């Protein structure tokens, strides 16, 4: 009976997310505009474009400016963070991307010490270049590739992973868990000896205008937009909405809830209690001030979002 009641309650959960009149968070700082300009200027010496994107949002948030200005070269799409994505949807994703003209696609986990899919990048690129014209670079026996993508999807991690795979060397590009670590187009970084192959690391560049609030929230949830630009409370609420929509109720067991819930305040309160994330605040009463202990909602929201980004709430596809 309790299970039946829970299923009935789930059926009443939100079918759409209320954005409350918010506007899309615009984050296009100076280093992004400068980076895009440098990318365009560097195209003449590039043989192939490798676009990195988050496998959890294979269709949302890919910068259309890349297609408009950089798509004159052979183009490989690498969907990274595959360990966090629901790969049962892989064939649907490949089919939809194929319909839009994106034929060369690889799924990778660049943080994995040895990822067999990363090892496929160089052979795939060489096959693509064999079937294309290198124009003024015909006489060059080395190859130069440009790595592009929105922030925090693993561009620098791919470069480091390729160096581990082909050169047995350590990292050449700094990586981090928040967007905006790489801020300038770097000098060429060698990633392969046979053939000699270099990659240009570039800053993550978002579209100057994000297409919709839904896309903006997916980008924020996956960490490609700085959290404070959207608000961790809003991101946490969108995460709860998304997990319920996907019928992923892993948060129930993780945070000791009795059943799935659609109220973010209720869920964050449980998270705060379970993790002992509370704070003392002064409350005014008729007889003076007293200290009361209340849930630390921002800390609970941060833990909820972090658990999703680390894959601790299961593998998902948000698109």
Protein backbone atom coordinates (compact mmCIF):
# COMPACT_ATOMS: atom_id res chain seq x y z
CA UNK A 1 0.00 0.00 0.00
CA UNK A 2 2.88 2.37 0.86
CA UNK A 3 4.56 1.61 -2.49
CA UNK A 4 1.27 2.22 -4.32
CA UNK A 5 0.85 5.56 -2.51
CA UNK A 6 4.44 6.56 -3.39
CA UNK A 7 3.87 5.77 -7.08
CA UNK A 8 0.68 7.82 -7.04
CA UNK A 9 2.57 10.73 -5.46
CA UNK A 10 5.31 10.48 -8.12
CA UNK A 11 2.66 10.76 -10.82
CA UNK A 12 1.75 14.15 -9.33
CA UNK A 13 5.31 15.48 -9.50
CA UNK A 14 6.16 18.49 -11.69
CA UNK A 15 6.05 17.82 -15.41
CA UNK A 16 7.71 21.17 -16.20
CA UNK A 17 10.19 23.30 -14.29
CA UNK A 18 9.04 26.74 -13.18
CA UNK A 19 11.81 29.19 -14.02
CA UNK A 20 9.94 31.95 -12.20
CA UNK A 21 10.53 34.64 -14.81
CA UNK A 22 14.29 34.19 -14.66
CA UNK A 23 16.52 35.08 -17.59
CA UNK A 24 19.24 32.90 -19.05
CA UNK A 25 22.55 33.39 -17.22
CA UNK A 26 24.91 35.13 -19.66
CA UNK A 27 28.56 34.33 -19.03
CA UNK A 28 30.76 35.47 -21.91
CA UNK A 29 33.74 37.16 -20.21
CA UNK A 30 36.58 38.80 -22.06
CA UNK A 31 38.82 35.75 -22.19
CA UNK A 32 36.11 33.83 -24.09
CA UNK A 33 35.73 36.55 -26.74
CA UNK A 34 39.52 36.78 -27.03
CA UNK A 35 39.83 32.97 -27.20
CA UNK A 36 37.27 32.69 -30.01
CA UNK A 37 39.12 35.36 -31.99
CA UNK A 38 42.42 33.50 -31.51
CA UNK A 39 40.83 30.20 -32.58
CA UNK A 40 39.66 31.72 -35.84
CA UNK A 41 43.10 33.21 -36.44
CA UNK A 42 44.80 29.83 -35.79
CA UNK A 43 42.59 27.84 -38.19
CA UNK A 44 45.00 28.12 -41.12
CA UNK A 45 47.55 25.91 -39.35
CA UNK A 46 45.00 23.34 -38.13
CA UNK A 47 44.21 20.02 -39.83
CA UNK A 48 41.26 18.87 -37.73
CA UNK A 49 38.86 20.18 -35.07
CA UNK A 50 38.17 18.02 -32.00
CA UNK A 51 35.08 19.26 -30.17
CA UNK A 52 34.67 18.01 -26.59
CA UNK A 53 31.25 18.01 -24.94
CA UNK A 54 29.62 16.50 -21.86
CA UNK A 55 28.08 13.10 -22.66
CA UNK A 56 25.18 13.82 -20.26
CA UNK A 57 23.99 16.68 -22.51
CA UNK A 58 24.98 15.51 -26.02
CA UNK A 59 22.64 17.96 -27.78
CA UNK A 60 22.28 20.87 -25.35
CA UNK A 61 24.67 23.78 -25.16
CA UNK A 62 27.07 22.91 -27.99
CA UNK A 63 28.26 26.31 -29.14
CA UNK A 64 26.72 27.04 -32.58
CA UNK A 65 29.50 29.58 -33.18
CA UNK A 66 31.88 26.61 -33.50
CA UNK A 67 29.82 25.14 -36.32
CA UNK A 68 29.48 28.50 -38.06
CA UNK A 69 33.14 29.52 -37.98
CA UNK A 70 35.28 26.44 -37.34
CA UNK A 71 33.43 23.75 -39.28
CA UNK A 72 35.53 24.25 -42.40
CA UNK A 73 37.88 21.52 -41.15
CA UNK A 74 37.31 17.78 -40.49
CA UNK A 75 35.39 17.62 -37.23
CA UNK A 76 35.45 14.93 -34.51
CA UNK A 77 32.96 15.15 -31.63
CA UNK A 78 34.20 13.60 -28.38
CA UNK A 79 31.47 13.07 -25.78
CA UNK A 80 33.48 12.98 -22.57
CA UNK A 81 32.51 11.93 -19.01
CA UNK A 82 30.88 8.78 -20.39
CA UNK A 83 31.24 7.23 -16.92
CA UNK A 84 28.56 9.69 -15.73
CA UNK A 85 26.18 9.11 -18.67
CA UNK A 86 23.49 6.49 -19.19
CA UNK A 87 25.03 4.61 -22.12
CA UNK A 88 21.87 2.60 -22.75
CA UNK A 89 20.87 5.72 -24.75
CA UNK A 90 24.08 5.65 -26.83
CA UNK A 91 22.52 4.42 -30.11
CA UNK A 92 19.73 7.01 -29.92
CA UNK A 93 22.33 9.74 -29.40
CA UNK A 94 24.48 8.57 -32.33
CA UNK A 95 21.42 8.34 -34.57
CA UNK A 96 20.25 11.87 -33.71
CA UNK A 97 23.73 13.33 -34.14
CA UNK A 98 24.05 11.52 -37.48
CA UNK A 99 20.82 13.11 -38.68
CA UNK A 100 22.31 16.54 -37.94
CA UNK A 101 25.45 15.69 -39.96
CA UNK A 102 27.75 14.71 -37.08
CA UNK A 103 29.14 11.36 -38.27
CA UNK A 104 32.43 11.13 -36.35
CA UNK A 105 31.65 10.64 -32.65
CA UNK A 106 33.57 9.00 -29.79
CA UNK A 107 32.57 8.50 -26.14
CA UNK A 108 35.43 8.87 -23.66
CA UNK A 109 36.35 8.97 -19.98
CA UNK A 110 39.51 11.09 -20.02
CA UNK A 111 40.12 10.86 -16.27
CA UNK A 112 40.42 7.08 -16.49
CA UNK A 113 44.07 6.04 -16.38
CA UNK A 114 43.74 3.90 -19.52
CA UNK A 115 40.65 4.51 -21.66
CA UNK A 116 40.45 2.39 -24.83
CA UNK A 117 38.23 5.02 -26.46
CA UNK A 118 40.87 7.73 -25.99
CA UNK A 119 43.26 5.41 -27.86
CA UNK A 120 40.84 5.57 -30.83
CA UNK A 121 41.16 9.36 -31.20
CA UNK A 122 44.43 9.39 -33.21
CA UNK A 123 43.42 6.56 -35.62
CA UNK A 124 40.01 8.19 -36.14
CA UNK A 125 41.60 11.55 -36.90
CA UNK A 126 44.08 9.99 -39.35
CA UNK A 127 41.23 8.22 -41.17
CA UNK A 128 39.30 11.49 -41.40
CA UNK A 129 42.35 13.33 -42.76
CA UNK A 130 43.01 10.60 -45.33
CA UNK A 131 39.58 11.37 -46.79
CA UNK A 132 40.01 15.16 -46.77
CA UNK A 133 42.17 17.78 -48.45
CA UNK A 134 44.90 19.36 -46.29
CA UNK A 135 45.36 22.19 -48.81
CA UNK A 136 48.48 24.26 -47.93
CA UNK A 137 49.52 21.72 -45.26
CA UNK A 138 49.96 18.84 -47.73
CA UNK A 139 53.75 18.90 -47.40
CA UNK A 140 53.72 18.89 -43.58
CA UNK A 141 54.39 15.47 -42.12
CA UNK A 142 53.10 16.44 -38.70
CA UNK A 143 49.51 17.14 -37.75
CA UNK A 144 47.97 19.97 -35.74
CA UNK A 145 44.55 19.57 -34.12
CA UNK A 146 42.50 22.16 -32.26
CA UNK A 147 40.51 21.14 -29.18
CA UNK A 148 37.35 23.21 -28.65
CA UNK A 149 34.27 23.07 -26.43
CA UNK A 150 32.26 24.84 -23.75
CA UNK A 151 33.87 25.22 -20.29
CA UNK A 152 34.60 22.28 -17.97
CA UNK A 153 33.92 19.39 -20.35
CA UNK A 154 37.43 17.92 -20.28
CA UNK A 155 39.46 19.54 -23.07
CA UNK A 156 42.66 19.69 -21.04
CA UNK A 157 41.94 16.22 -19.63
CA UNK A 158 41.78 14.82 -23.18
CA UNK A 159 45.18 16.34 -24.01
CA UNK A 160 46.70 14.86 -20.85
CA UNK A 161 45.07 11.48 -21.52
CA UNK A 162 46.42 11.39 -25.09
CA UNK A 163 49.91 12.19 -23.78
CA UNK A 164 49.64 9.33 -21.26
CA UNK A 165 48.46 6.97 -24.00
CA UNK A 166 50.93 7.79 -26.77
CA UNK A 167 53.93 9.46 -25.12
CA UNK A 168 53.78 7.91 -21.62
CA UNK A 169 54.18 11.43 -20.25
CA UNK A 170 52.38 13.39 -17.58
CA UNK A 171 49.98 16.26 -17.91
CA UNK A 172 50.80 19.35 -19.95
CA UNK A 173 47.52 21.22 -19.34
CA UNK A 174 46.08 22.29 -16.03
CA UNK A 175 42.69 20.77 -15.20
CA UNK A 176 40.07 21.67 -12.61
CA UNK A 177 36.54 20.94 -11.43
CA UNK A 178 35.14 24.33 -12.29
CA UNK A 179 34.76 26.22 -15.58
CA UNK A 180 37.34 28.73 -16.75
CA UNK A 181 40.63 26.99 -15.87
CA UNK A 182 42.11 27.41 -19.38
CA UNK A 183 41.94 31.10 -20.32
CA UNK A 184 44.13 31.44 -23.41
CA UNK A 185 44.98 29.53 -26.56
CA UNK A 186 48.18 27.73 -25.60
CA UNK A 187 51.22 26.86 -27.65
CA UNK A 188 51.15 23.51 -29.43
CA UNK A 189 51.30 20.48 -27.14
CA UNK A 190 52.64 17.23 -28.59
CA UNK A 191 50.39 14.23 -27.92
CA UNK A 192 51.74 11.58 -30.32
CA UNK A 193 55.12 10.55 -31.78
CA UNK A 194 54.06 8.32 -34.70
CA UNK A 195 52.76 10.25 -36.48
CA UNK A 196 53.91 13.52 -34.89
CA UNK A 197 50.72 15.16 -33.71
CA UNK A 198 50.12 18.36 -31.77
CA UNK A 199 47.01 19.71 -30.09
CA UNK A 200 46.07 23.31 -29.37
CA UNK A 201 44.30 23.65 -26.03
CA UNK A 202 41.73 26.46 -26.01
CA UNK A 203 39.56 28.18 -23.39
CA UNK A 204 36.02 26.93 -22.96
CA UNK A 205 33.70 29.22 -24.91
CA UNK A 206 29.96 29.42 -24.29
CA UNK A 207 27.59 30.93 -26.87
CA UNK A 208 27.25 34.71 -26.33
CA UNK A 209 23.53 33.96 -25.98
CA UNK A 210 22.34 30.60 -24.61
CA UNK A 211 19.36 29.35 -26.61
CA UNK A 212 16.89 28.70 -23.75
CA UNK A 213 16.47 28.59 -19.99
CA UNK A 214 16.27 24.79 -20.14
CA UNK A 215 19.62 24.60 -21.95
CA UNK A 216 21.14 27.07 -19.49
CA UNK A 217 20.00 24.96 -16.53
CA UNK A 218 21.46 21.78 -18.05
CA UNK A 219 24.77 23.55 -18.62
CA UNK A 220 24.73 24.85 -15.05
CA UNK A 221 23.88 21.44 -13.62
CA UNK A 222 26.83 19.89 -15.47
CA UNK A 223 29.15 22.61 -14.18
CA UNK A 224 29.87 24.53 -17.39
CA UNK A 225 28.51 27.79 -15.93
CA UNK A 226 29.71 29.13 -12.58
CA UNK A 227 27.21 28.11 -9.89
CA UNK A 228 26.79 31.56 -8.38
CA UNK A 229 25.57 32.97 -11.70
CA UNK A 230 22.50 30.74 -11.47
CA UNK A 231 22.25 30.05 -7.73
CA UNK A 232 22.95 26.70 -6.06
CA UNK A 233 19.39 26.60 -4.68
CA UNK A 234 17.98 26.83 -8.22
CA UNK A 235 20.46 24.26 -9.59
CA UNK A 236 19.58 21.85 -6.74
CA UNK A 237 15.86 22.25 -7.45
CA UNK A 238 16.41 21.61 -11.17
CA UNK A 239 18.47 18.54 -10.28
CA UNK A 240 15.63 17.16 -8.14
CA UNK A 241 13.14 17.87 -10.93
CA UNK A 242 15.41 16.14 -13.49
CA UNK A 243 16.04 13.04 -11.36
CA UNK A 244 12.31 12.62 -10.72
CA UNK A 245 11.51 13.15 -14.42
CA UNK A 246 14.01 10.39 -15.28
CA UNK A 247 12.57 8.19 -12.50
CA UNK A 248 16.01 8.12 -10.91
CA UNK A 249 15.26 7.99 -7.19
CA UNK A 250 18.78 7.18 -6.02
CA UNK A 251 18.70 10.25 -3.78
CA UNK A 252 16.04 8.60 -1.60
CA UNK A 253 18.38 5.89 -0.32
CA UNK A 254 21.47 8.10 -0.28
CA UNK A 255 19.88 10.68 2.00
CA UNK A 256 17.57 8.40 4.03
CA UNK A 257 14.28 9.77 2.71
CA UNK A 258 11.21 7.61 3.16
CA UNK A 259 10.10 8.04 -0.45
CA UNK A 260 10.68 10.21 -3.54
CA UNK A 261 9.79 13.85 -3.01
CA UNK A 262 9.27 16.82 -5.32
CA UNK A 263 9.85 19.56 -2.72
CA UNK A 264 13.45 20.77 -2.73
CA UNK A 265 13.19 22.33 0.74
CA UNK A 266 12.05 18.99 2.17
CA UNK A 267 14.88 17.13 0.43
CA UNK A 268 17.56 19.66 1.45
CA UNK A 269 16.36 19.51 5.05
CA UNK A 270 16.87 15.72 5.05
CA UNK A 271 20.31 16.12 3.47
CA UNK A 272 21.33 18.69 6.08
CA UNK A 273 20.15 16.47 8.95
CA UNK A 274 21.85 13.35 7.57
CA UNK A 275 25.15 15.12 6.95
CA UNK A 276 24.90 17.16 10.18
CA UNK A 277 25.07 20.35 8.15
CA UNK A 278 23.32 22.70 10.55
CA UNK A 279 23.95 26.22 11.79
CA UNK A 280 23.11 28.27 14.86
CA UNK A 281 21.11 31.43 14.30
CA UNK A 282 19.72 34.00 16.70
CA UNK A 283 15.95 34.17 16.94
CA UNK A 284 14.14 37.17 18.42
CA UNK A 285 11.48 36.34 21.01
CA UNK A 286 9.38 38.36 23.40
CA UNK A 287 11.78 37.56 26.24
CA UNK A 288 15.06 38.13 24.38
CA UNK A 289 17.31 36.44 21.86
CA UNK A 290 17.77 32.68 21.78
CA UNK A 291 20.04 30.49 19.66
CA UNK A 292 18.29 27.90 17.52
CA UNK A 293 19.77 25.20 15.28
CA UNK A 294 18.47 25.22 11.69
CA UNK A 295 19.41 23.22 8.57
CA UNK A 296 22.21 24.71 6.50
CA UNK A 297 20.37 24.71 3.17
CA UNK A 298 23.24 26.12 1.03
CA UNK A 299 25.63 23.42 2.31
CA UNK A 300 23.00 20.73 1.64
CA UNK A 301 22.40 22.07 -1.89
CA UNK A 302 26.16 22.04 -2.56
CA UNK A 303 26.43 18.39 -1.45
CA UNK A 304 23.42 17.38 -3.58
CA UNK A 305 24.88 19.01 -6.72
CA UNK A 306 28.39 17.66 -6.04
CA UNK A 307 27.03 14.11 -5.64
CA UNK A 308 25.39 14.37 -9.07
CA UNK A 309 28.52 15.74 -10.75
CA UNK A 310 30.62 12.91 -9.30
CA UNK A 311 28.17 10.26 -10.55
CA UNK A 312 27.06 9.28 -7.04
CA UNK A 313 23.38 9.65 -8.01
CA UNK A 314 23.65 7.29 -10.97
CA UNK A 315 24.32 7.69 -14.68
CA UNK A 316 21.95 9.96 -16.60
CA UNK A 317 21.26 11.59 -19.96
CA UNK A 318 19.58 14.97 -19.40
CA UNK A 319 18.66 15.53 -23.08
